[in-house]
PDB file of all heavy atoms in Angstrom:
ATOM      1  N   GLU A   1      -0.063  16.927  32.488  1.00  0.00           N
ATOM      2  CA  GLU A   1      -0.253  18.229  31.834  1.00  0.00           C
ATOM      3  C   GLU A   1      -0.948  18.060  30.478  1.00  0.00           C
ATOM      4  O   GLU A   1      -1.787  18.875  30.115  1.00  0.00           O
ATOM      5  CB  GLU A   1       1.099  18.914  31.674  1.00  0.00           C
ATOM      6  CG  GLU A   1       1.644  19.394  32.998  1.00  0.00           C
ATOM      7  CD  GLU A   1       3.068  19.922  32.893  1.00  0.00           C
ATOM      8  OE1 GLU A   1       3.603  20.019  31.778  1.00  0.00           O
ATOM      9  OE2 GLU A   1       3.664  20.254  33.969  1.00  0.00           O
ATOM     10  N   MET A   2      -0.596  16.997  29.765  1.00  0.00           N
ATOM     11  CA  MET A   2      -1.266  16.778  28.468  1.00  0.00           C
ATOM     12  C   MET A   2      -2.749  16.505  28.650  1.00  0.00           C
ATOM     13  O   MET A   2      -3.602  16.952  27.892  1.00  0.00           O
ATOM     14  CB  MET A   2      -0.591  15.638  27.731  1.00  0.00           C
ATOM     15  CG  MET A   2       0.786  15.936  27.209  1.00  0.00           C
ATOM     16  SD  MET A   2       1.508  14.519  26.339  1.00  0.00           S
ATOM     17  CE  MET A   2       0.524  14.568  24.800  1.00  0.00           C
ATOM     18  N   ILE A   3      -3.051  15.726  29.687  1.00  0.00           N
ATOM     19  CA  ILE A   3      -4.474  15.394  29.962  1.00  0.00           C
ATOM     20  C   ILE A   3      -5.222  16.665  30.337  1.00  0.00           C
ATOM     21  O   ILE A   3      -6.344  16.919  29.839  1.00  0.00           O
ATOM     22  CB  ILE A   3      -4.549  14.338  31.081  1.00  0.00           C
ATOM     23  CG1 ILE A   3      -4.023  13.014  30.556  1.00  0.00           C
ATOM     24  CG2 ILE A   3      -5.994  14.192  31.566  1.00  0.00           C
ATOM     25  CD1 ILE A   3      -3.761  11.969  31.639  1.00  0.00           C
ATOM     26  N   LEU A   4      -4.621  17.479  31.176  1.00  0.00           N
ATOM     27  CA  LEU A   4      -5.285  18.726  31.592  1.00  0.00           C
ATOM     28  C   LEU A   4      -5.478  19.698  30.391  1.00  0.00           C
ATOM     29  O   LEU A   4      -6.429  20.466  30.405  1.00  0.00           O
ATOM     30  CB  LEU A   4      -4.484  19.415  32.703  1.00  0.00           C
ATOM     31  CG  LEU A   4      -4.495  18.687  34.038  1.00  0.00           C
ATOM     32  CD1 LEU A   4      -3.548  19.321  35.036  1.00  0.00           C
ATOM     33  CD2 LEU A   4      -5.916  18.629  34.616  1.00  0.00           C
ATOM     34  N   ARG A   5      -4.566  19.625  29.441  1.00  0.00           N
ATOM     35  CA  ARG A   5      -4.690  20.461  28.215  1.00  0.00           C
ATOM     36  C   ARG A   5      -5.656  19.815  27.198  1.00  0.00           C
ATOM     37  O   ARG A   5      -5.859  20.369  26.160  1.00  0.00           O
ATOM     38  CB  ARG A   5      -3.343  20.658  27.571  1.00  0.00           C
ATOM     39  CG  ARG A   5      -2.409  21.577  28.308  1.00  0.00           C
ATOM     40  CD  ARG A   5      -1.226  21.981  27.425  1.00  0.00           C
ATOM     41  NE  ARG A   5      -0.759  20.971  26.475  1.00  0.00           N
ATOM     42  CZ  ARG A   5       0.274  20.159  26.680  1.00  0.00           C
ATOM     43  NH1 ARG A   5       0.980  20.221  27.782  1.00  0.00           N
ATOM     44  NH2 ARG A   5       0.621  19.274  25.766  1.00  0.00           N
ATOM     45  N   ARG A   6      -6.202  18.668  27.575  1.00  0.00           N
ATOM     46  CA  ARG A   6      -7.115  17.913  26.692  1.00  0.00           C
ATOM     47  C   ARG A   6      -6.408  17.554  25.375  1.00  0.00           C
ATOM     48  O   ARG A   6      -6.980  17.702  24.294  1.00  0.00           O
ATOM     49  CB  ARG A   6      -8.391  18.681  26.446  1.00  0.00           C
ATOM     50  CG  ARG A   6      -9.203  18.917  27.697  1.00  0.00           C
ATOM     51  CD  ARG A   6     -10.584  19.502  27.391  1.00  0.00           C
ATOM     52  NE  ARG A   6     -11.299  19.798  28.564  1.00  0.00           N
ATOM     53  CZ  ARG A   6     -12.084  18.931  29.222  1.00  0.00           C
ATOM     54  NH1 ARG A   6     -12.202  17.688  28.808  1.00  0.00           N
ATOM     55  NH2 ARG A   6     -12.727  19.306  30.321  1.00  0.00           N
ATOM     56  N   ALA A   7      -5.219  17.027  25.505  1.00  0.00           N
ATOM     57  CA  ALA A   7      -4.500  16.558  24.299  1.00  0.00           C
ATOM     58  C   ALA A   7      -5.280  15.401  23.661  1.00  0.00           C
ATOM     59  O   ALA A   7      -6.028  14.692  24.322  1.00  0.00           O
ATOM     60  CB  ALA A   7      -3.104  16.057  24.728  1.00  0.00           C
ATOM     61  N   SER A   8      -5.061  15.221  22.395  1.00  0.00           N
ATOM     62  CA  SER A   8      -5.753  14.163  21.657  1.00  0.00           C
ATOM     63  C   SER A   8      -5.252  12.794  22.121  1.00  0.00           C
ATOM     64  O   SER A   8      -4.110  12.668  22.594  1.00  0.00           O
ATOM     65  CB  SER A   8      -5.517  14.311  20.173  1.00  0.00           C
ATOM     66  OG  SER A   8      -4.208  13.925  19.842  1.00  0.00           O
ATOM     67  N   PRO A   9      -6.067  11.790  21.961  1.00  0.00           N
ATOM     68  CA  PRO A   9      -5.606  10.415  22.315  1.00  0.00           C
ATOM     69  C   PRO A   9      -4.381  10.052  21.537  1.00  0.00           C
ATOM     70  O   PRO A   9      -3.504   9.350  22.086  1.00  0.00           O
ATOM     71  CB  PRO A   9      -6.830   9.558  21.939  1.00  0.00           C
ATOM     72  CG  PRO A   9      -8.012  10.456  22.074  1.00  0.00           C
ATOM     73  CD  PRO A   9      -7.512  11.806  21.624  1.00  0.00           C
ATOM     74  N   ASP A  10      -4.277  10.429  20.289  1.00  0.00           N
ATOM     75  CA  ASP A  10      -3.097  10.089  19.509  1.00  0.00           C
ATOM     76  C   ASP A  10      -1.843  10.731  20.085  1.00  0.00           C
ATOM     77  O   ASP A  10      -0.789  10.122  20.133  1.00  0.00           O
ATOM     78  CB  ASP A  10      -3.286  10.504  18.029  1.00  0.00           C
ATOM     79  CG  ASP A  10      -4.302   9.657  17.300  1.00  0.00           C
ATOM     80  OD1 ASP A  10      -4.551   8.496  17.745  1.00  0.00           O
ATOM     81  OD2 ASP A  10      -4.864  10.154  16.270  1.00  0.00           O
ATOM     82  N   ASP A  11      -1.961  11.970  20.514  1.00  0.00           N
ATOM     83  CA  ASP A  11      -0.816  12.670  21.123  1.00  0.00           C
ATOM     84  C   ASP A  11      -0.411  12.010  22.449  1.00  0.00           C
ATOM     85  O   ASP A  11       0.775  11.859  22.744  1.00  0.00           O
ATOM     86  CB  ASP A  11      -1.116  14.152  21.319  1.00  0.00           C
ATOM     87  CG  ASP A  11      -1.150  14.917  20.014  1.00  0.00           C
ATOM     88  OD1 ASP A  11      -0.670  14.430  18.994  1.00  0.00           O
ATOM     89  OD2 ASP A  11      -1.714  16.038  20.030  1.00  0.00           O
ATOM     90  N   LEU A  12      -1.410  11.644  23.243  1.00  0.00           N
ATOM     91  CA  LEU A  12      -1.122  10.951  24.521  1.00  0.00           C
ATOM     92  C   LEU A  12      -0.418   9.604  24.267  1.00  0.00           C
ATOM     93  O   LEU A  12       0.531   9.240  24.932  1.00  0.00           O
ATOM     94  CB  LEU A  12      -2.400  10.739  25.280  1.00  0.00           C
ATOM     95  CG  LEU A  12      -2.915  11.924  26.086  1.00  0.00           C
ATOM     96  CD1 LEU A  12      -4.344  11.657  26.599  1.00  0.00           C
ATOM     97  CD2 LEU A  12      -2.031  12.290  27.211  1.00  0.00           C
ATOM     98  N   LEU A  13      -0.933   8.861  23.270  1.00  0.00           N
ATOM     99  CA  LEU A  13      -0.321   7.586  22.949  1.00  0.00           C
ATOM    100  C   LEU A  13       1.107   7.752  22.497  1.00  0.00           C
ATOM    101  O   LEU A  13       1.998   7.024  22.908  1.00  0.00           O
ATOM    102  CB  LEU A  13      -1.156   6.841  21.886  1.00  0.00           C
ATOM    103  CG  LEU A  13      -0.589   5.518  21.391  1.00  0.00           C
ATOM    104  CD1 LEU A  13      -0.515   4.518  22.558  1.00  0.00           C
ATOM    105  CD2 LEU A  13      -1.450   4.959  20.256  1.00  0.00           C
ATOM    106  N   ALA A  14       1.351   8.729  21.623  1.00  0.00           N
ATOM    107  CA  ALA A  14       2.704   8.987  21.131  1.00  0.00           C
ATOM    108  C   ALA A  14       3.634   9.341  22.288  1.00  0.00           C
ATOM    109  O   ALA A  14       4.772   8.830  22.343  1.00  0.00           O
ATOM    110  CB  ALA A  14       2.681  10.089  20.072  1.00  0.00           C
ATOM    111  N   ALA A  15       3.197  10.164  23.222  1.00  0.00           N
ATOM    112  CA  ALA A  15       4.015  10.565  24.362  1.00  0.00           C
ATOM    113  C   ALA A  15       4.284   9.361  25.253  1.00  0.00           C
ATOM    114  O   ALA A  15       5.376   9.171  25.759  1.00  0.00           O
ATOM    115  CB  ALA A  15       3.354  11.697  25.111  1.00  0.00           C
ATOM    116  N   ALA A  16       3.262   8.524  25.452  1.00  0.00           N
ATOM    117  CA  ALA A  16       3.427   7.378  26.342  1.00  0.00           C
ATOM    118  C   ALA A  16       4.388   6.391  25.716  1.00  0.00           C
ATOM    119  O   ALA A  16       5.287   5.853  26.413  1.00  0.00           O
ATOM    120  CB  ALA A  16       2.059   6.695  26.555  1.00  0.00           C
ATOM    121  N   GLN A  17       4.306   6.129  24.416  1.00  0.00           N
ATOM    122  CA  GLN A  17       5.242   5.247  23.767  1.00  0.00           C
ATOM    123  C   GLN A  17       6.620   5.767  23.759  1.00  0.00           C
ATOM    124  O   GLN A  17       7.623   5.028  23.916  1.00  0.00           O
ATOM    125  CB  GLN A  17       4.776   4.925  22.352  1.00  0.00           C
ATOM    126  CG  GLN A  17       3.553   4.019  22.307  1.00  0.00           C
ATOM    127  CD  GLN A  17       3.083   3.692  20.942  1.00  0.00           C
ATOM    128  OE1 GLN A  17       2.808   4.583  20.136  1.00  0.00           O
ATOM    129  NE2 GLN A  17       3.029   2.401  20.634  1.00  0.00           N
ATOM    130  N   LYS A  18       6.768   7.072  23.599  1.00  0.00           N
ATOM    131  CA  LYS A  18       8.089   7.699  23.636  1.00  0.00           C
ATOM    132  C   LYS A  18       8.759   7.489  25.003  1.00  0.00           C
ATOM    133  O   LYS A  18       9.973   7.345  25.094  1.00  0.00           O
ATOM    134  CB  LYS A  18       7.973   9.207  23.323  1.00  0.00           C
ATOM    135  CG  LYS A  18       9.310   9.898  23.184  1.00  0.00           C
ATOM    136  CD  LYS A  18       9.115  11.340  22.764  1.00  0.00           C
ATOM    137  CE  LYS A  18      10.466  12.045  22.662  1.00  0.00           C
ATOM    138  NZ  LYS A  18      10.318  13.448  22.330  1.00  0.00           N
ATOM    139  N   SER A  19       7.906   7.438  26.059  1.00  0.00           N
ATOM    140  CA  SER A  19       8.474   7.275  27.395  1.00  0.00           C
ATOM    141  C   SER A  19       8.589   5.779  27.753  1.00  0.00           C
ATOM    142  O   SER A  19       8.936   5.430  28.878  1.00  0.00           O
ATOM    143  CB  SER A  19       7.651   7.994  28.460  1.00  0.00           C
ATOM    144  OG  SER A  19       6.378   7.373  28.582  1.00  0.00           O
ATOM    145  N   GLY A  20       8.327   4.871  26.792  1.00  0.00           N
ATOM    146  CA  GLY A  20       8.583   3.440  27.018  1.00  0.00           C
ATOM    147  C   GLY A  20       7.378   2.561  27.123  1.00  0.00           C
ATOM    148  O   GLY A  20       7.554   1.346  27.313  1.00  0.00           O
ATOM    149  N   MET A  21       6.166   3.074  27.009  1.00  0.00           N
ATOM    150  CA  MET A  21       4.958   2.239  27.131  1.00  0.00           C
ATOM    151  C   MET A  21       4.896   1.313  25.903  1.00  0.00           C
ATOM    152  O   MET A  21       5.111   1.721  24.793  1.00  0.00           O
ATOM    153  CB  MET A  21       3.709   3.059  27.180  1.00  0.00           C
ATOM    154  CG  MET A  21       2.458   2.247  27.355  1.00  0.00           C
ATOM    155  SD  MET A  21       0.931   3.178  27.121  1.00  0.00           S
ATOM    156  CE  MET A  21       0.610   2.838  25.403  1.00  0.00           C
ATOM    157  N   ARG A  22       4.564   0.058  26.164  1.00  0.00           N
ATOM    158  CA  ARG A  22       4.255  -0.908  25.101  1.00  0.00           C
ATOM    159  C   ARG A  22       2.719  -1.035  25.042  1.00  0.00           C
ATOM    160  O   ARG A  22       2.091  -1.169  26.087  1.00  0.00           O
ATOM    161  CB  ARG A  22       4.852  -2.267  25.381  1.00  0.00           C
ATOM    162  CG  ARG A  22       6.338  -2.263  25.153  1.00  0.00           C
ATOM    163  CD  ARG A  22       6.934  -3.647  25.282  1.00  0.00           C
ATOM    164  NE  ARG A  22       6.425  -4.317  26.495  1.00  0.00           N
ATOM    165  CZ  ARG A  22       6.390  -5.616  26.643  1.00  0.00           C
ATOM    166  NH1 ARG A  22       6.898  -6.409  25.742  1.00  0.00           N
ATOM    167  NH2 ARG A  22       5.913  -6.147  27.730  1.00  0.00           N
ATOM    168  N   THR A  23       2.197  -1.079  23.855  1.00  0.00           N
ATOM    169  CA  THR A  23       0.734  -1.240  23.704  1.00  0.00           C
ATOM    170  C   THR A  23       0.353  -2.714  23.962  1.00  0.00           C
ATOM    171  O   THR A  23       1.203  -3.603  24.006  1.00  0.00           O
ATOM    172  CB  THR A  23       0.294  -0.864  22.309  1.00  0.00           C
ATOM    173  OG1 THR A  23       0.840  -1.769  21.345  1.00  0.00           O
ATOM    174  CG2 THR A  23       0.668   0.557  21.948  1.00  0.00           C
ATOM    175  N   LEU A  24      -0.950  -2.916  24.109  1.00  0.00           N
ATOM    176  CA  LEU A  24      -1.497  -4.248  24.319  1.00  0.00           C
ATOM    177  C   LEU A  24      -1.057  -5.157  23.172  1.00  0.00           C
ATOM    178  O   LEU A  24      -0.599  -6.272  23.396  1.00  0.00           O
ATOM    179  CB  LEU A  24      -3.049  -4.127  24.348  1.00  0.00           C
ATOM    180  CG  LEU A  24      -3.809  -5.362  24.808  1.00  0.00           C
ATOM    181  CD1 LEU A  24      -3.555  -5.602  26.288  1.00  0.00           C
ATOM    182  CD2 LEU A  24      -5.259  -5.130  24.556  1.00  0.00           C
ATOM    183  N   GLN A  25      -1.153  -4.636  21.921  1.00  0.00           N
ATOM    184  CA  GLN A  25      -0.805  -5.476  20.802  1.00  0.00           C
ATOM    185  C   GLN A  25       0.694  -5.779  20.779  1.00  0.00           C
ATOM    186  O   GLN A  25       1.119  -6.889  20.454  1.00  0.00           O
ATOM    187  CB  GLN A  25      -1.246  -4.811  19.497  1.00  0.00           C
ATOM    188  CG  GLN A  25      -1.132  -5.734  18.311  1.00  0.00           C
ATOM    189  CD  GLN A  25      -1.751  -5.137  17.081  1.00  0.00           C
ATOM    190  OE1 GLN A  25      -1.193  -4.194  16.538  1.00  0.00           O
ATOM    191  NE2 GLN A  25      -2.919  -5.619  16.659  1.00  0.00           N
ATOM    192  N   GLN A  26       1.541  -4.778  21.131  1.00  0.00           N
ATOM    193  CA  GLN A  26       2.969  -5.050  21.158  1.00  0.00           C
ATOM    194  C   GLN A  26       3.307  -6.103  22.228  1.00  0.00           C
ATOM    195  O   GLN A  26       4.150  -6.983  21.956  1.00  0.00           O
ATOM    196  CB  GLN A  26       3.712  -3.740  21.481  1.00  0.00           C
ATOM    197  CG  GLN A  26       3.721  -2.753  20.339  1.00  0.00           C
ATOM    198  CD  GLN A  26       4.172  -1.370  20.751  1.00  0.00           C
ATOM    199  OE1 GLN A  26       4.038  -0.961  21.909  1.00  0.00           O
ATOM    200  NE2 GLN A  26       4.743  -0.645  19.825  1.00  0.00           N
ATOM    201  N   ASP A  27       2.658  -6.096  23.373  1.00  0.00           N
ATOM    202  CA  ASP A  27       2.895  -7.085  24.380  1.00  0.00           C
ATOM    203  C   ASP A  27       2.459  -8.461  23.898  1.00  0.00           C
ATOM    204  O   ASP A  27       3.156  -9.460  24.070  1.00  0.00           O
ATOM    205  CB  ASP A  27       2.201  -6.706  25.670  1.00  0.00           C
ATOM    206  CG  ASP A  27       2.554  -7.644  26.837  1.00  0.00           C
ATOM    207  OD1 ASP A  27       3.779  -7.823  27.072  1.00  0.00           O
ATOM    208  OD2 ASP A  27       1.666  -8.165  27.508  1.00  0.00           O
ATOM    209  N   ALA A  28       1.305  -8.510  23.245  1.00  0.00           N
ATOM    210  CA  ALA A  28       0.795  -9.807  22.731  1.00  0.00           C
ATOM    211  C   ALA A  28       1.704 -10.314  21.618  1.00  0.00           C
ATOM    212  O   ALA A  28       1.938 -11.543  21.551  1.00  0.00           O
ATOM    213  CB  ALA A  28      -0.642  -9.595  22.230  1.00  0.00           C
ATOM    214  N   LEU A  29       2.198  -9.460  20.738  1.00  0.00           N
ATOM    215  CA  LEU A  29       3.107  -9.901  19.674  1.00  0.00           C
ATOM    216  C   LEU A  29       4.381 -10.495  20.235  1.00  0.00           C
ATOM    217  O   LEU A  29       4.933 -11.487  19.726  1.00  0.00           O
ATOM    218  CB  LEU A  29       3.409  -8.752  18.700  1.00  0.00           C
ATOM    219  CG  LEU A  29       2.260  -8.372  17.766  1.00  0.00           C
ATOM    220  CD1 LEU A  29       2.574  -7.061  17.066  1.00  0.00           C
ATOM    221  CD2 LEU A  29       2.029  -9.481  16.779  1.00  0.00           C
ATOM    222  N   GLU A  30       4.883  -9.894  21.300  1.00  0.00           N
ATOM    223  CA  GLU A  30       6.083 -10.421  21.959  1.00  0.00           C
ATOM    224  C   GLU A  30       5.809 -11.813  22.498  1.00  0.00           C
ATOM    225  O   GLU A  30       6.638 -12.729  22.372  1.00  0.00           O
ATOM    226  CB  GLU A  30       6.544  -9.528  23.089  1.00  0.00           C
ATOM    227  CG  GLU A  30       7.825  -9.982  23.739  1.00  0.00           C
ATOM    228  CD  GLU A  30       8.292  -9.050  24.834  1.00  0.00           C
ATOM    229  OE1 GLU A  30       8.376  -7.809  24.562  1.00  0.00           O
ATOM    230  OE2 GLU A  30       8.580  -9.504  25.943  1.00  0.00           O
ATOM    231  N   LYS A  31       4.614 -12.020  23.087  1.00  0.00           N
ATOM    232  CA  LYS A  31       4.278 -13.323  23.606  1.00  0.00           C
ATOM    233  C   LYS A  31       4.082 -14.340  22.478  1.00  0.00           C
ATOM    234  O   LYS A  31       4.422 -15.524  22.665  1.00  0.00           O
ATOM    235  CB  LYS A  31       3.088 -13.225  24.532  1.00  0.00           C
ATOM    236  CG  LYS A  31       3.470 -12.507  25.839  1.00  0.00           C
ATOM    237  CD  LYS A  31       2.328 -12.214  26.753  1.00  0.00           C
ATOM    238  CE  LYS A  31       2.912 -11.598  28.021  1.00  0.00           C
ATOM    239  NZ  LYS A  31       2.014 -10.849  28.797  1.00  0.00           N
ATOM    240  N   ALA A  32       3.580 -13.884  21.356  1.00  0.00           N
ATOM    241  CA  ALA A  32       3.469 -14.801  20.204  1.00  0.00           C
ATOM    242  C   ALA A  32       4.855 -15.200  19.685  1.00  0.00           C
ATOM    243  O   ALA A  32       5.081 -16.386  19.342  1.00  0.00           O
ATOM    244  CB  ALA A  32       2.657 -14.132  19.083  1.00  0.00           C
ATOM    245  N   ALA A  33       5.792 -14.254  19.694  1.00  0.00           N
ATOM    246  CA  ALA A  33       7.146 -14.590  19.269  1.00  0.00           C
ATOM    247  C   ALA A  33       7.819 -15.571  20.218  1.00  0.00           C
ATOM    248  O   ALA A  33       8.684 -16.323  19.811  1.00  0.00           O
ATOM    249  CB  ALA A  33       7.975 -13.308  19.154  1.00  0.00           C
ATOM    250  N   GLN A  34       7.397 -15.580  21.474  1.00  0.00           N
ATOM    251  CA  GLN A  34       7.933 -16.514  22.456  1.00  0.00           C
ATOM    252  C   GLN A  34       7.214 -17.892  22.379  1.00  0.00           C
ATOM    253  O   GLN A  34       7.569 -18.785  23.116  1.00  0.00           O
ATOM    254  CB  GLN A  34       7.757 -15.947  23.880  1.00  0.00           C
ATOM    255  CG  GLN A  34       8.587 -14.717  24.124  1.00  0.00           C
ATOM    256  CD  GLN A  34       8.213 -14.074  25.461  1.00  0.00           C
ATOM    257  OE1 GLN A  34       7.417 -14.551  26.249  1.00  0.00           O
ATOM    258  NE2 GLN A  34       8.815 -12.904  25.693  1.00  0.00           N
ATOM    259  N   GLY A  35       6.220 -17.988  21.507  1.00  0.00           N
ATOM    260  CA  GLY A  35       5.514 -19.248  21.342  1.00  0.00           C
ATOM    261  C   GLY A  35       4.375 -19.475  22.343  1.00  0.00           C
ATOM    262  O   GLY A  35       3.844 -20.572  22.459  1.00  0.00           O
ATOM    263  N   MET A  36       3.985 -18.440  23.092  1.00  0.00           N
ATOM    264  CA  MET A  36       2.917 -18.580  24.039  1.00  0.00           C
ATOM    265  C   MET A  36       1.547 -18.572  23.421  1.00  0.00           C
ATOM    266  O   MET A  36       0.564 -19.017  24.035  1.00  0.00           O
ATOM    267  CB  MET A  36       3.020 -17.424  25.086  1.00  0.00           C
ATOM    268  CG  MET A  36       4.298 -17.473  25.894  1.00  0.00           C
ATOM    269  SD  MET A  36       4.497 -16.007  26.946  1.00  0.00           S
ATOM    270  CE  MET A  36       3.141 -16.223  28.116  1.00  0.00           C
ATOM    271  N   THR A  37       1.428 -18.016  22.225  1.00  0.00           N
ATOM    272  CA  THR A  37       0.171 -17.959  21.504  1.00  0.00           C
ATOM    273  C   THR A  37       0.446 -17.858  20.006  1.00  0.00           C
ATOM    274  O   THR A  37       1.619 -17.811  19.613  1.00  0.00           O
ATOM    275  CB  THR A  37      -0.666 -16.770  22.018  1.00  0.00           C
ATOM    276  OG1 THR A  37      -1.993 -16.859  21.464  1.00  0.00           O
ATOM    277  CG2 THR A  37      -0.055 -15.434  21.683  1.00  0.00           C
ATOM    278  N   SER A  38      -0.557 -17.799  19.214  1.00  0.00           N
ATOM    279  CA  SER A  38      -0.375 -17.735  17.771  1.00  0.00           C
ATOM    280  C   SER A  38      -0.584 -16.263  17.334  1.00  0.00           C
ATOM    281  O   SER A  38      -1.285 -15.458  17.977  1.00  0.00           O
ATOM    282  CB  SER A  38      -1.370 -18.645  17.023  1.00  0.00           C
ATOM    283  OG  SER A  38      -2.691 -18.149  17.183  1.00  0.00           O
ATOM    284  N   LEU A  39      -0.028 -15.955  16.173  1.00  0.00           N
ATOM    285  CA  LEU A  39      -0.217 -14.630  15.573  1.00  0.00           C
ATOM    286  C   LEU A  39      -1.707 -14.378  15.275  1.00  0.00           C
ATOM    287  O   LEU A  39      -2.205 -13.271  15.507  1.00  0.00           O
ATOM    288  CB  LEU A  39       0.630 -14.476  14.340  1.00  0.00           C
ATOM    289  CG  LEU A  39       0.686 -13.118  13.687  1.00  0.00           C
ATOM    290  CD1 LEU A  39       1.224 -12.090  14.675  1.00  0.00           C
ATOM    291  CD2 LEU A  39       1.614 -13.169  12.483  1.00  0.00           C
ATOM    292  N   ALA A  40      -2.389 -15.402  14.832  1.00  0.00           N
ATOM    293  CA  ALA A  40      -3.825 -15.262  14.547  1.00  0.00           C
ATOM    294  C   ALA A  40      -4.599 -14.875  15.782  1.00  0.00           C
ATOM    295  O   ALA A  40      -5.504 -14.047  15.744  1.00  0.00           O
ATOM    296  CB  ALA A  40      -4.375 -16.545  13.929  1.00  0.00           C
ATOM    297  N   GLU A  41      -4.263 -15.480  16.940  1.00  0.00           N
ATOM    298  CA  GLU A  41      -4.947 -15.180  18.198  1.00  0.00           C
ATOM    299  C   GLU A  41      -4.627 -13.757  18.656  1.00  0.00           C
ATOM    300  O   GLU A  41      -5.489 -13.029  19.133  1.00  0.00           O
ATOM    301  CB  GLU A  41      -4.569 -16.200  19.258  1.00  0.00           C
ATOM    302  CG  GLU A  41      -5.249 -15.975  20.626  1.00  0.00           C
ATOM    303  CD  GLU A  41      -6.804 -16.111  20.555  1.00  0.00           C
ATOM    304  OE1 GLU A  41      -7.370 -16.538  19.546  1.00  0.00           O
ATOM    305  OE2 GLU A  41      -7.424 -15.760  21.579  1.00  0.00           O
ATOM    306  N   VAL A  42      -3.370 -13.315  18.457  1.00  0.00           N
ATOM    307  CA  VAL A  42      -3.011 -11.940  18.797  1.00  0.00           C
ATOM    308  C   VAL A  42      -3.870 -10.960  17.991  1.00  0.00           C
ATOM    309  O   VAL A  42      -4.421 -10.016  18.539  1.00  0.00           O
ATOM    310  CB  VAL A  42      -1.519 -11.666  18.527  1.00  0.00           C
ATOM    311  CG1 VAL A  42      -1.217 -10.189  18.609  1.00  0.00           C
ATOM    312  CG2 VAL A  42      -0.676 -12.435  19.556  1.00  0.00           C
ATOM    313  N   MET A  43      -3.987 -11.220  16.711  1.00  0.00           N
ATOM    314  CA  MET A  43      -4.739 -10.294  15.855  1.00  0.00           C
ATOM    315  C   MET A  43      -6.204 -10.344  16.188  1.00  0.00           C
ATOM    316  O   MET A  43      -6.893  -9.287  16.179  1.00  0.00           O
ATOM    317  CB  MET A  43      -4.484 -10.612  14.378  1.00  0.00           C
ATOM    318  CG  MET A  43      -3.003 -10.495  13.967  1.00  0.00           C
ATOM    319  SD  MET A  43      -2.182  -9.010  14.529  1.00  0.00           S
ATOM    320  CE  MET A  43      -2.973  -7.785  13.571  1.00  0.00           C
TER     321      MET A  43
END
């Protein structure tokens, strides 16, 4: 419904995160915390 109403990308992102979506950067930061990569590489 938000897409059909042409909601802004920021509004879509906020709604998605509210429903549990993790962003690419959040997923990468979690993997850096697990030692799979470095913080510099994530950034």
